[in-house]
């Protein structure tokens, strides 16, 4: 996990930024970039059925795997996002929607996105290629691992630990100090009041792991 101060894209980048992915999540990424006044250099997707389609005013084309420059991944699936991050040669940039609130002491890794209405509180640490989706909140001293995805309306209390690649479903809640394991899923609306192990699916109130 990166602990460097986040490297945001800005409206001053003359060449713009390349968005990887042209699905629903990419729409929200493009929206955040546009709200920041950042030019879109290209939208790439490896699905040939999308080539030539319009992505909010941008023509979708095939991925140029040797291309460099600034990039951001607009893919919601954590595993696919990791695959693209490792395979491509872009300088990954982060973006925070202007209607989000990120405290100056928080740290964001490369390629991380924070969407409209989200709040990231003091001394929180977000790893690389993390998604803090619409209206999600990350309270003080939380640590969110690389490639994790906090869906819309997720709420993390203070000092929560979210492992690499974990997916927290829409409206789920994590109590103070609780750990969500690596590549685990916390179901929509679930409330985690105790630790969730690595690689499991936990659902319900309180959340409990499904049988393997």
N, C-alpha and C. Protein backbone atom coordinates (compact mmCIF):
# COMPACT_ATOMS: atom_id res chain seq x y z
N UNK A 1 0.84 -1.20 0.00
CA UNK A 1 0.00 0.00 0.00
C UNK A 1 0.87 1.25 0.00
N UNK A 2 0.51 2.19 -0.82
CA UNK A 2 1.24 3.45 -0.87
C UNK A 2 0.84 4.34 0.29
N UNK A 3 1.82 4.97 0.92
CA UNK A 3 1.55 5.94 1.96
C UNK A 3 2.00 7.34 1.53
N UNK A 4 2.20 7.52 0.24
CA UNK A 4 2.57 8.84 -0.27
C UNK A 4 1.34 9.72 -0.35
N UNK A 5 1.57 11.02 -0.30
CA UNK A 5 0.47 11.96 -0.52
C UNK A 5 -0.03 11.79 -1.94
N UNK A 6 -1.33 11.81 -2.12
CA UNK A 6 -1.92 11.51 -3.42
C UNK A 6 -1.48 12.49 -4.49
N UNK A 7 -1.34 11.96 -5.72
CA UNK A 7 -0.93 12.74 -6.88
C UNK A 7 -2.16 12.94 -7.76
N UNK A 8 -2.80 14.09 -7.61
CA UNK A 8 -4.06 14.32 -8.29
C UNK A 8 -3.85 14.81 -9.70
N UNK A 9 -4.83 14.54 -10.54
CA UNK A 9 -4.83 15.15 -11.86
C UNK A 9 -5.30 16.59 -11.72
N UNK A 10 -4.91 17.42 -12.64
CA UNK A 10 -5.32 18.82 -12.60
C UNK A 10 -5.76 19.27 -13.97
N UNK A 11 -6.43 20.41 -14.00
CA UNK A 11 -6.91 20.96 -15.27
C UNK A 11 -5.76 21.47 -16.13
N UNK A 12 -4.55 21.52 -15.56
CA UNK A 12 -3.42 22.09 -16.28
C UNK A 12 -2.70 21.07 -17.15
N UNK A 13 -3.02 19.77 -17.00
CA UNK A 13 -2.35 18.75 -17.80
C UNK A 13 -2.70 18.91 -19.26
N UNK A 14 -1.75 19.33 -20.08
CA UNK A 14 -2.06 19.69 -21.46
C UNK A 14 -2.49 18.50 -22.29
N UNK A 15 -2.05 17.32 -21.95
CA UNK A 15 -2.37 16.15 -22.74
C UNK A 15 -3.60 15.40 -22.24
N UNK A 16 -4.16 15.83 -21.12
CA UNK A 16 -5.33 15.17 -20.57
C UNK A 16 -4.99 13.82 -19.96
N UNK A 17 -6.03 13.06 -19.66
CA UNK A 17 -5.87 11.79 -18.97
C UNK A 17 -6.62 10.70 -19.71
N UNK A 18 -6.06 9.50 -19.73
CA UNK A 18 -6.69 8.36 -20.38
C UNK A 18 -7.51 7.59 -19.34
N UNK A 19 -8.76 7.30 -19.68
CA UNK A 19 -9.63 6.51 -18.81
C UNK A 19 -9.67 5.08 -19.34
N UNK A 20 -9.38 4.11 -18.48
CA UNK A 20 -9.42 2.70 -18.85
C UNK A 20 -10.77 2.14 -18.41
N UNK A 21 -11.56 1.69 -19.38
CA UNK A 21 -12.89 1.18 -19.10
C UNK A 21 -13.96 2.10 -19.66
N UNK A 22 -15.05 1.50 -20.13
CA UNK A 22 -16.12 2.30 -20.73
C UNK A 22 -17.49 1.82 -20.26
N UNK A 23 -17.55 1.23 -19.08
CA UNK A 23 -18.82 0.78 -18.52
C UNK A 23 -19.43 1.82 -17.59
N UNK A 24 -20.34 1.36 -16.74
CA UNK A 24 -21.03 2.28 -15.85
C UNK A 24 -20.12 3.00 -14.89
N UNK A 25 -19.14 2.28 -14.32
CA UNK A 25 -18.25 2.93 -13.36
C UNK A 25 -17.41 4.01 -14.05
N UNK A 26 -17.02 3.76 -15.29
CA UNK A 26 -16.24 4.76 -16.02
C UNK A 26 -17.02 6.06 -16.19
N UNK A 27 -18.34 5.96 -16.32
CA UNK A 27 -19.15 7.17 -16.43
C UNK A 27 -18.96 8.08 -15.22
N UNK A 28 -18.90 7.45 -14.04
CA UNK A 28 -18.75 8.24 -12.82
C UNK A 28 -17.34 8.82 -12.71
N UNK A 29 -16.34 8.04 -13.15
CA UNK A 29 -14.96 8.54 -13.17
C UNK A 29 -14.85 9.74 -14.12
N UNK A 30 -15.41 9.60 -15.32
CA UNK A 30 -15.36 10.70 -16.29
C UNK A 30 -16.08 11.92 -15.73
N UNK A 31 -17.22 11.70 -15.06
CA UNK A 31 -17.95 12.80 -14.45
C UNK A 31 -17.11 13.55 -13.42
N UNK A 32 -16.38 12.79 -12.59
CA UNK A 32 -15.53 13.42 -11.58
C UNK A 32 -14.40 14.21 -12.23
N UNK A 33 -13.79 13.64 -13.28
CA UNK A 33 -12.72 14.35 -13.98
C UNK A 33 -13.26 15.63 -14.62
N UNK A 34 -14.42 15.54 -15.24
CA UNK A 34 -15.01 16.71 -15.89
C UNK A 34 -15.33 17.79 -14.86
N UNK A 35 -15.84 17.38 -13.70
CA UNK A 35 -16.14 18.35 -12.64
C UNK A 35 -14.88 19.05 -12.16
N UNK A 36 -13.75 18.35 -12.26
CA UNK A 36 -12.46 18.94 -11.89
C UNK A 36 -11.85 19.78 -13.02
N UNK A 37 -12.48 19.77 -14.18
CA UNK A 37 -11.94 20.51 -15.31
C UNK A 37 -10.79 19.83 -16.00
N UNK A 38 -10.70 18.51 -15.85
CA UNK A 38 -9.60 17.74 -16.44
C UNK A 38 -10.01 17.23 -17.82
N UNK A 39 -9.16 17.44 -18.81
CA UNK A 39 -9.43 16.98 -20.17
C UNK A 39 -9.29 15.47 -20.25
N UNK A 40 -10.15 14.83 -21.03
CA UNK A 40 -10.07 13.39 -21.27
C UNK A 40 -9.33 13.18 -22.59
N UNK A 41 -8.17 12.55 -22.52
CA UNK A 41 -7.37 12.33 -23.73
C UNK A 41 -7.93 11.18 -24.55
N UNK A 42 -8.44 10.14 -23.89
CA UNK A 42 -8.98 8.97 -24.58
C UNK A 42 -9.72 8.11 -23.58
N UNK A 43 -10.64 7.29 -24.09
CA UNK A 43 -11.30 6.27 -23.29
C UNK A 43 -11.03 4.93 -23.95
N UNK A 44 -10.39 4.01 -23.22
CA UNK A 44 -10.00 2.71 -23.77
C UNK A 44 -10.83 1.60 -23.12
N UNK A 45 -11.10 0.55 -23.90
CA UNK A 45 -11.75 -0.64 -23.36
C UNK A 45 -11.28 -1.84 -24.18
N UNK A 46 -11.15 -2.99 -23.53
CA UNK A 46 -10.72 -4.18 -24.26
C UNK A 46 -11.89 -4.97 -24.84
N UNK A 47 -13.12 -4.48 -24.66
CA UNK A 47 -14.32 -5.09 -25.23
C UNK A 47 -14.58 -4.47 -26.60
N UNK A 48 -14.37 -5.24 -27.66
CA UNK A 48 -14.49 -4.66 -29.00
C UNK A 48 -15.92 -4.24 -29.35
N UNK A 49 -16.91 -4.73 -28.61
CA UNK A 49 -18.28 -4.30 -28.86
C UNK A 49 -18.51 -2.85 -28.46
N UNK A 50 -17.61 -2.29 -27.66
CA UNK A 50 -17.74 -0.90 -27.22
C UNK A 50 -16.95 0.08 -28.07
N UNK A 51 -16.08 -0.44 -28.93
CA UNK A 51 -15.26 0.45 -29.75
C UNK A 51 -16.14 1.29 -30.66
N UNK A 52 -15.86 2.57 -30.69
CA UNK A 52 -16.64 3.51 -31.49
C UNK A 52 -17.83 4.09 -30.76
N UNK A 53 -18.19 3.54 -29.61
CA UNK A 53 -19.31 4.07 -28.84
C UNK A 53 -18.94 5.38 -28.17
N UNK A 54 -19.95 6.11 -27.76
CA UNK A 54 -19.74 7.39 -27.07
C UNK A 54 -19.74 7.17 -25.56
N UNK A 55 -18.71 7.72 -24.90
CA UNK A 55 -18.64 7.69 -23.44
C UNK A 55 -18.62 9.13 -22.95
N UNK A 56 -19.79 9.69 -22.76
CA UNK A 56 -19.95 11.07 -22.32
C UNK A 56 -19.13 12.03 -23.17
N UNK A 57 -19.30 11.91 -24.48
CA UNK A 57 -18.62 12.81 -25.41
C UNK A 57 -17.25 12.36 -25.85
N UNK A 58 -16.85 11.16 -25.46
CA UNK A 58 -15.54 10.63 -25.81
C UNK A 58 -15.72 9.31 -26.56
N UNK A 59 -15.02 9.16 -27.66
CA UNK A 59 -15.12 7.94 -28.46
C UNK A 59 -14.28 6.84 -27.83
N UNK A 60 -14.90 5.68 -27.65
CA UNK A 60 -14.21 4.54 -27.04
C UNK A 60 -13.37 3.82 -28.10
N UNK A 61 -12.14 3.48 -27.75
CA UNK A 61 -11.26 2.76 -28.67
C UNK A 61 -10.54 1.64 -27.92
N UNK A 62 -9.83 0.81 -28.68
CA UNK A 62 -9.14 -0.32 -28.06
C UNK A 62 -7.96 0.17 -27.22
N UNK A 63 -7.58 -0.63 -26.25
CA UNK A 63 -6.49 -0.26 -25.34
C UNK A 63 -5.17 -0.25 -26.09
N UNK A 64 -4.44 0.84 -25.93
CA UNK A 64 -3.08 0.94 -26.45
C UNK A 64 -2.14 0.57 -25.31
N UNK A 65 -1.69 -0.68 -25.29
CA UNK A 65 -0.99 -1.21 -24.13
C UNK A 65 0.41 -0.64 -23.92
N UNK A 66 0.98 -0.04 -24.94
CA UNK A 66 2.31 0.55 -24.80
C UNK A 66 2.26 2.05 -24.58
N UNK A 67 1.07 2.61 -24.49
CA UNK A 67 0.93 4.05 -24.32
C UNK A 67 1.29 4.45 -22.89
N UNK A 68 1.93 5.59 -22.76
CA UNK A 68 2.25 6.13 -21.44
C UNK A 68 1.40 7.34 -21.14
N UNK A 69 1.87 8.18 -20.22
CA UNK A 69 1.14 9.37 -19.83
C UNK A 69 0.24 9.12 -18.63
N UNK A 70 -0.63 10.07 -18.34
CA UNK A 70 -1.50 9.98 -17.18
C UNK A 70 -2.70 9.09 -17.48
N UNK A 71 -3.04 8.24 -16.52
CA UNK A 71 -4.18 7.36 -16.68
C UNK A 71 -4.93 7.16 -15.38
N UNK A 72 -6.17 6.70 -15.52
CA UNK A 72 -6.99 6.36 -14.36
C UNK A 72 -7.90 5.21 -14.78
N UNK A 73 -8.18 4.29 -13.88
CA UNK A 73 -8.95 3.10 -14.23
C UNK A 73 -10.40 3.28 -13.82
N UNK A 74 -11.29 3.18 -14.80
CA UNK A 74 -12.72 3.31 -14.56
C UNK A 74 -13.40 1.96 -14.56
N UNK A 75 -12.91 1.03 -13.76
CA UNK A 75 -13.45 -0.34 -13.68
C UNK A 75 -13.79 -0.61 -12.22
N UNK A 76 -15.04 -0.98 -11.96
CA UNK A 76 -15.46 -1.21 -10.58
C UNK A 76 -15.02 -2.52 -10.00
N UNK A 77 -14.84 -3.55 -10.85
CA UNK A 77 -14.43 -4.87 -10.36
C UNK A 77 -12.99 -4.82 -9.85
N UNK A 78 -12.78 -5.23 -8.61
CA UNK A 78 -11.47 -5.08 -7.98
C UNK A 78 -10.39 -5.90 -8.66
N UNK A 79 -10.70 -7.14 -9.01
CA UNK A 79 -9.70 -7.99 -9.66
C UNK A 79 -9.31 -7.46 -11.03
N UNK A 80 -10.30 -7.02 -11.81
CA UNK A 80 -10.00 -6.47 -13.13
C UNK A 80 -9.21 -5.18 -13.02
N UNK A 81 -9.51 -4.39 -12.01
CA UNK A 81 -8.77 -3.14 -11.81
C UNK A 81 -7.30 -3.43 -11.50
N UNK A 82 -7.07 -4.43 -10.66
CA UNK A 82 -5.69 -4.81 -10.36
C UNK A 82 -4.98 -5.31 -11.62
N UNK A 83 -5.67 -6.12 -12.42
CA UNK A 83 -5.08 -6.65 -13.65
C UNK A 83 -4.65 -5.52 -14.58
N UNK A 84 -5.49 -4.53 -14.77
CA UNK A 84 -5.16 -3.40 -15.65
C UNK A 84 -4.01 -2.58 -15.07
N UNK A 85 -4.04 -2.36 -13.75
CA UNK A 85 -2.98 -1.57 -13.12
C UNK A 85 -1.62 -2.21 -13.29
N UNK A 86 -1.58 -3.53 -13.23
CA UNK A 86 -0.30 -4.24 -13.34
C UNK A 86 0.15 -4.41 -14.79
N UNK A 87 -0.81 -4.40 -15.73
CA UNK A 87 -0.48 -4.68 -17.13
C UNK A 87 -0.10 -3.44 -17.93
N UNK A 88 -0.61 -2.28 -17.55
CA UNK A 88 -0.44 -1.08 -18.36
C UNK A 88 0.63 -0.17 -17.78
N UNK A 89 1.10 0.77 -18.61
CA UNK A 89 2.29 1.55 -18.29
C UNK A 89 1.98 3.01 -17.95
N UNK A 90 0.75 3.31 -17.63
CA UNK A 90 0.39 4.70 -17.35
C UNK A 90 0.94 5.17 -16.00
N UNK A 91 1.02 6.48 -15.88
CA UNK A 91 1.27 7.11 -14.59
C UNK A 91 -0.10 7.29 -13.94
N UNK A 92 -0.41 6.46 -12.96
CA UNK A 92 -1.76 6.45 -12.41
C UNK A 92 -2.00 7.66 -11.52
N UNK A 93 -3.08 8.35 -11.80
CA UNK A 93 -3.45 9.55 -11.06
C UNK A 93 -4.72 9.32 -10.25
N UNK A 94 -4.86 10.06 -9.18
CA UNK A 94 -6.07 10.02 -8.36
C UNK A 94 -6.95 11.22 -8.67
N UNK A 95 -8.22 11.10 -8.35
CA UNK A 95 -9.13 12.23 -8.51
C UNK A 95 -10.12 12.25 -7.36
N UNK A 96 -10.37 13.45 -6.86
CA UNK A 96 -11.36 13.68 -5.82
C UNK A 96 -12.41 14.63 -6.39
N UNK A 97 -13.65 14.20 -6.39
CA UNK A 97 -14.72 15.05 -6.89
C UNK A 97 -14.79 16.34 -6.07
N UNK A 98 -15.06 17.48 -6.70
CA UNK A 98 -15.10 18.73 -5.93
C UNK A 98 -16.18 18.77 -4.87
N UNK A 99 -17.18 17.88 -4.95
CA UNK A 99 -18.21 17.84 -3.92
C UNK A 99 -17.94 16.75 -2.88
N UNK A 100 -16.73 16.21 -2.88
CA UNK A 100 -16.28 15.32 -1.81
C UNK A 100 -15.47 16.13 -0.81
N UNK A 101 -15.27 15.56 0.37
CA UNK A 101 -14.48 16.23 1.42
C UNK A 101 -13.39 15.27 1.88
N UNK A 102 -12.14 15.64 1.60
CA UNK A 102 -10.99 14.84 2.02
C UNK A 102 -10.11 15.72 2.92
N UNK A 103 -9.93 15.30 4.15
CA UNK A 103 -9.13 16.09 5.09
C UNK A 103 -7.68 16.16 4.62
N UNK A 104 -7.01 17.29 4.84
CA UNK A 104 -5.62 17.43 4.38
C UNK A 104 -4.66 16.41 4.96
N UNK A 105 -4.96 15.83 6.11
CA UNK A 105 -4.06 14.84 6.71
C UNK A 105 -4.27 13.44 6.14
N UNK A 106 -5.33 13.23 5.38
CA UNK A 106 -5.57 11.92 4.79
C UNK A 106 -4.57 11.66 3.67
N UNK A 107 -4.27 10.39 3.45
CA UNK A 107 -3.32 10.00 2.40
C UNK A 107 -4.03 9.09 1.40
N UNK A 108 -3.86 9.41 0.12
CA UNK A 108 -4.48 8.65 -0.96
C UNK A 108 -3.41 8.11 -1.87
N UNK A 109 -3.52 6.84 -2.23
CA UNK A 109 -2.55 6.22 -3.12
C UNK A 109 -2.83 6.54 -4.58
N UNK A 110 -2.00 5.98 -5.45
CA UNK A 110 -2.12 6.19 -6.89
C UNK A 110 -3.41 5.58 -7.42
N UNK A 111 -4.06 6.30 -8.31
CA UNK A 111 -5.23 5.75 -8.98
C UNK A 111 -6.49 5.69 -8.15
N UNK A 112 -6.48 6.24 -6.97
CA UNK A 112 -7.64 6.20 -6.09
C UNK A 112 -8.65 7.26 -6.50
N UNK A 113 -9.94 6.93 -6.38
CA UNK A 113 -11.00 7.87 -6.75
C UNK A 113 -11.95 8.06 -5.57
N UNK A 114 -12.32 9.32 -5.32
CA UNK A 114 -13.26 9.67 -4.26
C UNK A 114 -14.38 10.47 -4.92
N UNK A 115 -15.60 9.94 -4.86
CA UNK A 115 -16.70 10.49 -5.63
C UNK A 115 -17.53 11.49 -4.84
N UNK A 116 -18.51 12.07 -5.52
CA UNK A 116 -19.33 13.14 -4.95
C UNK A 116 -20.02 12.69 -3.67
N UNK A 117 -20.01 13.57 -2.67
CA UNK A 117 -20.68 13.30 -1.42
C UNK A 117 -19.90 12.45 -0.44
N UNK A 118 -18.74 11.94 -0.86
CA UNK A 118 -17.93 11.11 0.04
C UNK A 118 -17.16 12.00 1.01
N UNK A 119 -16.82 11.42 2.16
CA UNK A 119 -16.05 12.13 3.19
C UNK A 119 -14.92 11.22 3.66
N UNK A 120 -13.71 11.75 3.68
CA UNK A 120 -12.54 11.03 4.20
C UNK A 120 -11.95 11.88 5.31
N UNK A 121 -11.95 11.33 6.52
CA UNK A 121 -11.64 12.11 7.71
C UNK A 121 -10.14 12.07 8.07
N UNK A 122 -9.73 12.83 9.11
CA UNK A 122 -8.31 12.98 9.43
C UNK A 122 -7.57 11.65 9.62
N UNK A 123 -6.35 11.62 9.05
CA UNK A 123 -5.39 10.54 9.21
C UNK A 123 -5.86 9.20 8.64
N UNK A 124 -6.87 9.23 7.80
CA UNK A 124 -7.23 8.01 7.06
C UNK A 124 -6.18 7.77 5.98
N UNK A 125 -5.94 6.50 5.67
CA UNK A 125 -4.97 6.12 4.64
C UNK A 125 -5.67 5.21 3.64
N UNK A 126 -5.71 5.65 2.39
CA UNK A 126 -6.29 4.85 1.32
C UNK A 126 -5.16 4.39 0.41
N UNK A 127 -5.16 3.12 0.06
CA UNK A 127 -4.10 2.57 -0.77
C UNK A 127 -4.26 2.92 -2.24
N UNK A 128 -3.61 2.17 -3.10
CA UNK A 128 -3.64 2.41 -4.54
C UNK A 128 -4.93 1.85 -5.15
N UNK A 129 -5.50 2.60 -6.10
CA UNK A 129 -6.65 2.16 -6.89
C UNK A 129 -7.85 1.78 -6.01
N UNK A 130 -8.03 2.54 -4.96
CA UNK A 130 -9.19 2.38 -4.08
C UNK A 130 -10.36 3.18 -4.65
N UNK A 131 -11.58 2.67 -4.47
CA UNK A 131 -12.79 3.40 -4.84
C UNK A 131 -13.54 3.77 -3.57
N UNK A 132 -13.77 5.07 -3.36
CA UNK A 132 -14.67 5.55 -2.31
C UNK A 132 -15.86 6.12 -3.06
N UNK A 133 -16.90 5.35 -3.15
CA UNK A 133 -18.00 5.66 -4.05
C UNK A 133 -18.94 6.71 -3.46
N UNK A 134 -19.96 7.04 -4.22
CA UNK A 134 -20.86 8.16 -3.92
C UNK A 134 -21.41 8.08 -2.49
N UNK A 135 -21.18 9.14 -1.72
CA UNK A 135 -21.76 9.25 -0.39
C UNK A 135 -21.17 8.33 0.66
N UNK A 136 -20.06 7.65 0.36
CA UNK A 136 -19.42 6.79 1.37
C UNK A 136 -18.61 7.66 2.34
N UNK A 137 -18.42 7.16 3.57
CA UNK A 137 -17.63 7.90 4.55
C UNK A 137 -16.56 7.01 5.16
N UNK A 138 -15.38 7.60 5.33
CA UNK A 138 -14.23 6.92 5.91
C UNK A 138 -13.78 7.77 7.08
N UNK A 139 -13.96 7.27 8.29
CA UNK A 139 -13.69 8.11 9.44
C UNK A 139 -12.21 8.07 9.82
N UNK A 140 -11.89 8.76 10.91
CA UNK A 140 -10.50 8.98 11.32
C UNK A 140 -9.73 7.68 11.48
N UNK A 141 -8.48 7.71 11.05
CA UNK A 141 -7.50 6.64 11.29
C UNK A 141 -7.84 5.31 10.62
N UNK A 142 -8.75 5.32 9.67
CA UNK A 142 -9.01 4.09 8.91
C UNK A 142 -7.86 3.82 7.95
N UNK A 143 -7.67 2.54 7.62
CA UNK A 143 -6.70 2.13 6.61
C UNK A 143 -7.44 1.23 5.63
N UNK A 144 -7.44 1.64 4.36
CA UNK A 144 -8.14 0.90 3.31
C UNK A 144 -7.10 0.40 2.32
N UNK A 145 -7.03 -0.91 2.12
CA UNK A 145 -6.00 -1.52 1.30
C UNK A 145 -6.17 -1.30 -0.19
N UNK A 146 -5.10 -1.55 -0.93
CA UNK A 146 -5.10 -1.42 -2.38
C UNK A 146 -6.28 -2.18 -3.01
N UNK A 147 -6.87 -1.59 -4.03
CA UNK A 147 -7.92 -2.21 -4.86
C UNK A 147 -9.23 -2.46 -4.11
N UNK A 148 -9.38 -1.97 -2.91
CA UNK A 148 -10.65 -2.10 -2.20
C UNK A 148 -11.69 -1.18 -2.83
N UNK A 149 -12.96 -1.53 -2.65
CA UNK A 149 -14.06 -0.75 -3.21
C UNK A 149 -15.11 -0.57 -2.12
N UNK A 150 -15.34 0.69 -1.74
CA UNK A 150 -16.41 1.05 -0.81
C UNK A 150 -17.57 1.54 -1.66
N UNK A 151 -18.63 0.76 -1.75
CA UNK A 151 -19.77 1.09 -2.60
C UNK A 151 -20.52 2.31 -2.06
N UNK A 152 -21.48 2.85 -2.85
CA UNK A 152 -22.23 4.02 -2.38
C UNK A 152 -22.86 3.79 -1.01
N UNK A 153 -22.72 4.81 -0.14
CA UNK A 153 -23.36 4.77 1.16
C UNK A 153 -22.70 3.89 2.20
N UNK A 154 -21.51 3.38 1.93
CA UNK A 154 -20.76 2.62 2.95
C UNK A 154 -20.28 3.59 4.03
N UNK A 155 -20.29 3.13 5.28
CA UNK A 155 -19.81 3.97 6.38
C UNK A 155 -18.81 3.17 7.22
N UNK A 156 -17.58 3.68 7.29
CA UNK A 156 -16.55 3.10 8.13
C UNK A 156 -16.38 3.98 9.36
N UNK A 157 -16.55 3.40 10.55
CA UNK A 157 -16.27 4.13 11.78
C UNK A 157 -14.76 4.27 11.96
N UNK A 158 -14.34 4.91 13.05
CA UNK A 158 -12.93 5.17 13.26
C UNK A 158 -12.09 3.92 13.38
N UNK A 159 -10.86 3.99 12.86
CA UNK A 159 -9.83 2.96 13.03
C UNK A 159 -10.21 1.61 12.42
N UNK A 160 -11.06 1.62 11.42
CA UNK A 160 -11.39 0.39 10.70
C UNK A 160 -10.24 0.02 9.77
N UNK A 161 -10.03 -1.27 9.55
CA UNK A 161 -9.03 -1.77 8.60
C UNK A 161 -9.76 -2.57 7.52
N UNK A 162 -9.57 -2.16 6.27
CA UNK A 162 -10.16 -2.87 5.14
C UNK A 162 -9.03 -3.45 4.32
N UNK A 163 -9.03 -4.76 4.13
CA UNK A 163 -7.93 -5.43 3.46
C UNK A 163 -7.93 -5.22 1.96
N UNK A 164 -6.80 -5.53 1.35
CA UNK A 164 -6.63 -5.42 -0.10
C UNK A 164 -7.76 -6.14 -0.83
N UNK A 165 -8.32 -5.47 -1.85
CA UNK A 165 -9.29 -6.09 -2.72
C UNK A 165 -10.65 -6.35 -2.12
N UNK A 166 -10.90 -5.91 -0.89
CA UNK A 166 -12.20 -6.14 -0.27
C UNK A 166 -13.28 -5.31 -0.97
N UNK A 167 -14.48 -5.86 -1.02
CA UNK A 167 -15.63 -5.13 -1.57
C UNK A 167 -16.68 -4.99 -0.49
N UNK A 168 -17.05 -3.74 -0.19
CA UNK A 168 -18.08 -3.46 0.80
C UNK A 168 -19.32 -2.98 0.07
N UNK A 169 -20.40 -3.77 0.14
CA UNK A 169 -21.59 -3.51 -0.65
C UNK A 169 -22.34 -2.26 -0.20
N UNK A 170 -23.25 -1.83 -1.05
CA UNK A 170 -23.96 -0.57 -0.86
C UNK A 170 -24.65 -0.54 0.51
N UNK A 171 -24.43 0.55 1.24
CA UNK A 171 -25.08 0.76 2.52
C UNK A 171 -24.55 -0.06 3.67
N UNK A 172 -23.44 -0.74 3.50
CA UNK A 172 -22.89 -1.53 4.61
C UNK A 172 -22.16 -0.63 5.60
N UNK A 173 -22.02 -1.14 6.82
CA UNK A 173 -21.47 -0.35 7.93
C UNK A 173 -20.45 -1.20 8.68
N UNK A 174 -19.35 -0.55 9.09
CA UNK A 174 -18.31 -1.26 9.86
C UNK A 174 -18.07 -0.51 11.16
N UNK A 175 -18.16 -1.22 12.29
CA UNK A 175 -18.00 -0.62 13.61
C UNK A 175 -16.55 -0.26 13.90
N UNK A 176 -16.31 0.58 14.90
CA UNK A 176 -14.95 1.04 15.20
C UNK A 176 -13.97 -0.10 15.43
N UNK A 177 -12.80 0.02 14.81
CA UNK A 177 -11.71 -0.91 15.05
C UNK A 177 -11.85 -2.28 14.40
N UNK A 178 -12.92 -2.52 13.68
CA UNK A 178 -13.15 -3.83 13.06
C UNK A 178 -12.32 -3.95 11.78
N UNK A 179 -11.89 -5.19 11.50
CA UNK A 179 -11.10 -5.46 10.30
C UNK A 179 -11.92 -6.27 9.31
N UNK A 180 -11.90 -5.83 8.03
CA UNK A 180 -12.49 -6.59 6.93
C UNK A 180 -11.34 -7.22 6.15
N UNK A 181 -11.37 -8.52 5.98
CA UNK A 181 -10.23 -9.25 5.43
C UNK A 181 -9.98 -9.00 3.95
N UNK A 182 -8.80 -9.41 3.51
CA UNK A 182 -8.38 -9.26 2.12
C UNK A 182 -9.30 -10.03 1.19
N UNK A 183 -9.73 -9.36 0.12
CA UNK A 183 -10.54 -9.98 -0.93
C UNK A 183 -11.82 -10.61 -0.37
N UNK A 184 -12.33 -10.03 0.69
CA UNK A 184 -13.62 -10.43 1.24
C UNK A 184 -14.72 -9.52 0.72
N UNK A 185 -15.96 -9.96 0.88
CA UNK A 185 -17.13 -9.17 0.49
C UNK A 185 -18.02 -9.00 1.70
N UNK A 186 -18.40 -7.74 1.96
CA UNK A 186 -19.40 -7.43 2.98
C UNK A 186 -20.67 -7.06 2.23
N UNK A 187 -21.73 -7.84 2.42
CA UNK A 187 -22.93 -7.69 1.62
C UNK A 187 -23.64 -6.37 1.81
N UNK A 188 -24.49 -6.03 0.87
CA UNK A 188 -25.27 -4.79 0.93
C UNK A 188 -26.07 -4.73 2.22
N UNK A 189 -25.97 -3.59 2.91
CA UNK A 189 -26.73 -3.37 4.13
C UNK A 189 -26.22 -4.11 5.35
N UNK A 190 -25.13 -4.85 5.22
CA UNK A 190 -24.61 -5.60 6.36
C UNK A 190 -23.96 -4.67 7.38
N UNK A 191 -23.92 -5.13 8.62
CA UNK A 191 -23.28 -4.37 9.70
C UNK A 191 -22.23 -5.25 10.35
N UNK A 192 -20.96 -4.91 10.15
CA UNK A 192 -19.85 -5.68 10.71
C UNK A 192 -19.50 -5.14 12.08
N UNK A 193 -19.79 -5.94 13.12
CA UNK A 193 -19.45 -5.54 14.49
C UNK A 193 -18.27 -6.33 15.02
N UNK A 194 -17.80 -7.30 14.23
CA UNK A 194 -16.60 -8.06 14.57
C UNK A 194 -15.82 -8.33 13.28
N UNK A 195 -14.58 -8.75 13.40
CA UNK A 195 -13.71 -8.92 12.25
C UNK A 195 -14.29 -9.92 11.25
N UNK A 196 -14.02 -9.65 9.95
CA UNK A 196 -14.39 -10.55 8.87
C UNK A 196 -13.09 -11.13 8.32
N UNK A 197 -13.01 -12.46 8.22
CA UNK A 197 -11.78 -13.14 7.78
C UNK A 197 -11.49 -12.85 6.31
N UNK A 198 -10.28 -13.21 5.89
CA UNK A 198 -9.90 -13.05 4.49
C UNK A 198 -10.74 -13.98 3.60
N UNK A 199 -11.07 -13.48 2.41
CA UNK A 199 -11.64 -14.32 1.37
C UNK A 199 -13.01 -14.90 1.64
N UNK A 200 -13.83 -14.23 2.43
CA UNK A 200 -15.17 -14.75 2.72
C UNK A 200 -16.22 -13.73 2.29
N UNK A 201 -17.46 -14.18 2.24
CA UNK A 201 -18.61 -13.30 2.03
C UNK A 201 -19.39 -13.25 3.34
N UNK A 202 -19.59 -12.03 3.87
CA UNK A 202 -20.31 -11.86 5.12
C UNK A 202 -21.55 -11.01 4.86
N UNK A 203 -22.69 -11.44 5.39
CA UNK A 203 -23.95 -10.74 5.16
C UNK A 203 -24.73 -10.65 6.46
N UNK A 204 -25.71 -9.75 6.49
CA UNK A 204 -26.64 -9.69 7.60
C UNK A 204 -26.30 -8.66 8.65
N UNK A 205 -27.20 -8.60 9.67
CA UNK A 205 -27.06 -7.67 10.79
C UNK A 205 -27.25 -8.47 12.08
N UNK A 206 -26.19 -8.72 12.84
CA UNK A 206 -24.79 -8.38 12.51
C UNK A 206 -24.27 -9.31 11.41
N UNK A 207 -23.24 -8.88 10.74
CA UNK A 207 -22.70 -9.64 9.61
C UNK A 207 -22.08 -10.95 10.08
N UNK A 208 -22.37 -12.00 9.31
CA UNK A 208 -21.77 -13.32 9.58
C UNK A 208 -21.35 -13.92 8.27
N UNK A 209 -20.24 -14.66 8.28
CA UNK A 209 -19.72 -15.26 7.05
C UNK A 209 -20.63 -16.39 6.59
N UNK A 210 -20.86 -16.43 5.27
CA UNK A 210 -21.58 -17.55 4.70
C UNK A 210 -20.70 -18.80 4.76
N UNK A 211 -21.31 -19.95 4.80
CA UNK A 211 -20.52 -21.19 4.80
C UNK A 211 -19.78 -21.29 3.48
N UNK A 212 -18.54 -21.78 3.54
CA UNK A 212 -17.73 -21.87 2.35
C UNK A 212 -18.29 -22.93 1.41
